[in-house]
Amino acid sequence: MFATHQEYQGKIEALGFELHRMRTDNTALNDPQEMARMMDLRTGIEYTTRNWICANLRETYTDLMNCATDQISFLQARAL
């Protein structure tokens, strides 16, 4: 089982693995203006942290805890 964002669903399921969707979806990938705000050299890190990471931290934690079981033998806690 992989717990990650929805945009990886096709790749993961094509390999025969189960996907547990983690919020928030990375909708910014399809929005050039949002990506520009996130990539701004001066304010991008703060914008991303406040509006994407911290704003959805509870939902992300809840999703992770909902898929975690005693049977998990490996947890990758960063982007691959």
N, C-alpha and C. Protein backbone atom coordinates (compact mmCIF):
# COMPACT_ATOMS: atom_id res chain seq x y z
N MET A 1 0.84 -1.17 0.00
CA MET A 1 0.00 0.00 0.00
C MET A 1 0.89 1.24 0.00
N PHE A 2 0.50 2.21 -0.82
CA PHE A 2 1.16 3.49 -0.84
C PHE A 2 0.18 4.55 -0.36
N ALA A 3 0.60 5.40 0.54
CA ALA A 3 -0.20 6.54 0.99
C ALA A 3 0.44 7.79 0.41
N THR A 4 -0.19 8.34 -0.61
CA THR A 4 0.38 9.50 -1.28
C THR A 4 -0.72 10.28 -1.98
N HIS A 5 -0.33 11.25 -2.76
CA HIS A 5 -1.28 12.13 -3.42
C HIS A 5 -1.94 11.47 -4.63
N GLN A 6 -3.12 11.93 -4.94
CA GLN A 6 -3.95 11.33 -5.98
C GLN A 6 -3.29 11.31 -7.36
N GLU A 7 -2.43 12.28 -7.65
CA GLU A 7 -1.86 12.30 -9.00
C GLU A 7 -0.96 11.11 -9.29
N TYR A 8 -0.57 10.34 -8.28
CA TYR A 8 0.23 9.14 -8.48
C TYR A 8 -0.60 7.87 -8.61
N GLN A 9 -1.91 7.99 -8.52
CA GLN A 9 -2.79 6.82 -8.49
C GLN A 9 -2.59 5.91 -9.69
N GLY A 10 -2.58 6.46 -10.88
CA GLY A 10 -2.43 5.63 -12.08
C GLY A 10 -1.14 4.83 -12.10
N LYS A 11 -0.04 5.48 -11.73
CA LYS A 11 1.26 4.81 -11.73
C LYS A 11 1.31 3.70 -10.68
N ILE A 12 0.80 3.98 -9.51
CA ILE A 12 0.86 3.01 -8.41
C ILE A 12 -0.03 1.81 -8.70
N GLU A 13 -1.25 2.06 -9.16
CA GLU A 13 -2.16 0.95 -9.45
C GLU A 13 -1.70 0.15 -10.66
N ALA A 14 -1.03 0.80 -11.61
CA ALA A 14 -0.51 0.07 -12.76
C ALA A 14 0.56 -0.93 -12.35
N LEU A 15 1.24 -0.66 -11.25
CA LEU A 15 2.25 -1.58 -10.73
C LEU A 15 1.65 -2.64 -9.81
N GLY A 16 0.32 -2.58 -9.61
CA GLY A 16 -0.36 -3.59 -8.81
C GLY A 16 -0.44 -3.29 -7.32
N PHE A 17 -0.14 -2.06 -6.94
CA PHE A 17 -0.20 -1.68 -5.54
C PHE A 17 -1.50 -0.94 -5.24
N GLU A 18 -1.86 -0.94 -3.97
CA GLU A 18 -3.05 -0.22 -3.52
C GLU A 18 -2.65 1.20 -3.13
N LEU A 19 -3.51 2.17 -3.44
CA LEU A 19 -3.26 3.56 -3.10
C LEU A 19 -4.22 4.01 -2.00
N HIS A 20 -3.68 4.61 -0.98
CA HIS A 20 -4.50 5.30 0.02
C HIS A 20 -4.25 6.79 -0.21
N ARG A 21 -5.28 7.50 -0.63
CA ARG A 21 -5.15 8.90 -1.01
C ARG A 21 -4.87 9.78 0.21
N MET A 22 -3.87 10.64 0.07
CA MET A 22 -3.52 11.61 1.10
C MET A 22 -3.96 12.99 0.64
N ARG A 23 -4.63 13.72 1.54
CA ARG A 23 -4.96 15.10 1.22
C ARG A 23 -3.74 15.96 1.53
N THR A 24 -3.56 17.00 0.98
CA THR A 24 -4.33 17.71 0.01
C THR A 24 -3.86 17.33 -1.38
N ASP A 25 -4.75 17.41 -2.35
CA ASP A 25 -4.34 17.14 -3.72
C ASP A 25 -3.47 18.30 -4.21
N ASN A 26 -2.51 17.97 -5.00
CA ASN A 26 -1.59 18.99 -5.52
C ASN A 26 -2.19 19.68 -6.74
N THR A 27 -3.28 20.40 -6.52
CA THR A 27 -3.96 21.09 -7.62
C THR A 27 -3.11 22.21 -8.20
N ALA A 28 -2.11 22.66 -7.47
CA ALA A 28 -1.24 23.74 -7.96
C ALA A 28 -0.46 23.31 -9.20
N LEU A 29 -0.27 22.02 -9.38
CA LEU A 29 0.49 21.54 -10.53
C LEU A 29 -0.19 21.92 -11.85
N ASN A 30 -1.49 22.13 -11.82
CA ASN A 30 -2.25 22.48 -13.02
C ASN A 30 -2.61 23.95 -13.09
N ASP A 31 -2.08 24.77 -12.18
CA ASP A 31 -2.41 26.19 -12.11
C ASP A 31 -1.13 27.01 -12.20
N PRO A 32 -0.84 27.58 -13.37
CA PRO A 32 0.41 28.32 -13.55
C PRO A 32 0.56 29.50 -12.58
N GLN A 33 -0.52 30.18 -12.25
CA GLN A 33 -0.42 31.31 -11.33
C GLN A 33 -0.09 30.84 -9.90
N GLU A 34 -0.69 29.76 -9.48
CA GLU A 34 -0.40 29.21 -8.15
C GLU A 34 1.03 28.70 -8.09
N MET A 35 1.48 28.05 -9.14
CA MET A 35 2.87 27.58 -9.18
C MET A 35 3.84 28.75 -9.12
N ALA A 36 3.51 29.85 -9.78
CA ALA A 36 4.37 31.03 -9.75
C ALA A 36 4.47 31.59 -8.33
N ARG A 37 3.35 31.61 -7.60
CA ARG A 37 3.39 32.08 -6.21
C ARG A 37 4.24 31.14 -5.34
N MET A 38 4.12 29.85 -5.58
CA MET A 38 4.87 28.88 -4.79
C MET A 38 6.37 28.92 -5.10
N MET A 39 6.71 29.26 -6.32
CA MET A 39 8.11 29.25 -6.76
C MET A 39 8.80 30.61 -6.65
N ASP A 40 8.09 31.62 -6.19
CA ASP A 40 8.68 32.95 -6.05
C ASP A 40 9.92 32.87 -5.16
N LEU A 41 11.03 33.43 -5.62
CA LEU A 41 12.29 33.30 -4.89
C LEU A 41 12.26 33.98 -3.52
N ARG A 42 11.48 35.03 -3.39
CA ARG A 42 11.45 35.77 -2.14
C ARG A 42 10.37 35.28 -1.17
N THR A 43 9.20 34.96 -1.68
CA THR A 43 8.07 34.66 -0.80
C THR A 43 7.50 33.25 -0.98
N GLY A 44 8.05 32.48 -1.90
CA GLY A 44 7.48 31.17 -2.22
C GLY A 44 7.48 30.16 -1.09
N ILE A 45 8.56 30.11 -0.31
CA ILE A 45 8.63 29.14 0.78
C ILE A 45 7.58 29.46 1.84
N GLU A 46 7.46 30.73 2.21
CA GLU A 46 6.46 31.11 3.20
C GLU A 46 5.05 30.84 2.69
N TYR A 47 4.80 31.21 1.43
CA TYR A 47 3.47 31.00 0.84
C TYR A 47 3.11 29.52 0.85
N THR A 48 4.02 28.67 0.42
CA THR A 48 3.77 27.23 0.36
C THR A 48 3.55 26.65 1.75
N THR A 49 4.37 27.06 2.70
CA THR A 49 4.24 26.55 4.06
C THR A 49 2.90 26.95 4.67
N ARG A 50 2.54 28.22 4.54
CA ARG A 50 1.29 28.70 5.16
C ARG A 50 0.04 28.18 4.45
N ASN A 51 0.05 28.18 3.13
CA ASN A 51 -1.17 27.90 2.38
C ASN A 51 -1.32 26.47 1.92
N TRP A 52 -0.29 25.67 1.96
CA TRP A 52 -0.38 24.29 1.51
C TRP A 52 -0.03 23.30 2.61
N ILE A 53 1.10 23.48 3.24
CA ILE A 53 1.55 22.49 4.22
C ILE A 53 0.80 22.63 5.54
N CYS A 54 0.93 23.78 6.19
CA CYS A 54 0.29 23.97 7.50
C CYS A 54 -1.23 24.04 7.41
N ALA A 55 -1.74 24.56 6.33
CA ALA A 55 -3.20 24.69 6.19
C ALA A 55 -3.89 23.33 6.13
N ASN A 56 -3.16 22.29 5.74
CA ASN A 56 -3.76 20.97 5.58
C ASN A 56 -3.11 19.91 6.45
N LEU A 57 -2.35 20.32 7.43
CA LEU A 57 -1.60 19.38 8.24
C LEU A 57 -2.49 18.40 8.99
N ARG A 58 -3.60 18.86 9.54
CA ARG A 58 -4.50 17.96 10.27
C ARG A 58 -5.11 16.91 9.34
N GLU A 59 -5.53 17.33 8.15
CA GLU A 59 -6.11 16.38 7.20
C GLU A 59 -5.08 15.35 6.75
N THR A 60 -3.86 15.81 6.50
CA THR A 60 -2.79 14.90 6.08
C THR A 60 -2.49 13.89 7.18
N TYR A 61 -2.39 14.36 8.41
CA TYR A 61 -2.13 13.47 9.55
C TYR A 61 -3.26 12.45 9.71
N THR A 62 -4.50 12.92 9.61
CA THR A 62 -5.65 12.02 9.73
C THR A 62 -5.62 10.95 8.65
N ASP A 63 -5.32 11.33 7.42
CA ASP A 63 -5.24 10.36 6.33
C ASP A 63 -4.15 9.32 6.59
N LEU A 64 -3.01 9.77 7.08
CA LEU A 64 -1.92 8.85 7.36
C LEU A 64 -2.29 7.88 8.49
N MET A 65 -2.90 8.39 9.53
CA MET A 65 -3.29 7.54 10.65
C MET A 65 -4.39 6.56 10.25
N ASN A 66 -5.27 6.96 9.34
CA ASN A 66 -6.34 6.06 8.88
C ASN A 66 -5.81 4.88 8.08
N CYS A 67 -4.67 5.03 7.44
CA CYS A 67 -4.14 3.92 6.65
C CYS A 67 -3.07 3.14 7.39
N ALA A 68 -2.58 3.68 8.48
CA ALA A 68 -1.53 2.99 9.24
C ALA A 68 -2.12 1.82 10.02
N THR A 69 -1.45 0.70 9.98
CA THR A 69 -1.86 -0.49 10.74
C THR A 69 -0.63 -1.10 11.37
N ASP A 70 -0.84 -2.08 12.20
CA ASP A 70 0.28 -2.79 12.82
C ASP A 70 1.06 -3.60 11.80
N GLN A 71 0.50 -3.79 10.62
CA GLN A 71 1.13 -4.63 9.61
C GLN A 71 2.11 -3.86 8.72
N ILE A 72 2.22 -2.55 8.90
CA ILE A 72 3.14 -1.76 8.08
C ILE A 72 4.57 -2.06 8.54
N SER A 73 5.43 -2.37 7.57
CA SER A 73 6.82 -2.68 7.92
C SER A 73 7.77 -1.60 7.44
N PHE A 74 7.29 -0.64 6.67
CA PHE A 74 8.17 0.43 6.16
C PHE A 74 7.34 1.69 5.94
N LEU A 75 7.88 2.82 6.36
CA LEU A 75 7.23 4.10 6.17
C LEU A 75 8.23 5.08 5.58
N GLN A 76 7.96 5.57 4.39
CA GLN A 76 8.80 6.58 3.73
C GLN A 76 8.15 7.92 4.03
N ALA A 77 8.83 8.77 4.78
CA ALA A 77 8.22 10.01 5.25
C ALA A 77 8.70 11.24 4.49
N ARG A 78 8.97 11.10 3.22
CA ARG A 78 9.32 12.23 2.38
C ARG A 78 9.03 11.86 0.94
N ALA A 79 9.10 12.85 0.07
CA ALA A 79 8.83 12.59 -1.35
C ALA A 79 9.88 11.65 -1.91
N LEU A 80 9.44 10.78 -2.78
CA LEU A 80 10.38 9.85 -3.42
C LEU A 80 10.98 10.47 -4.65
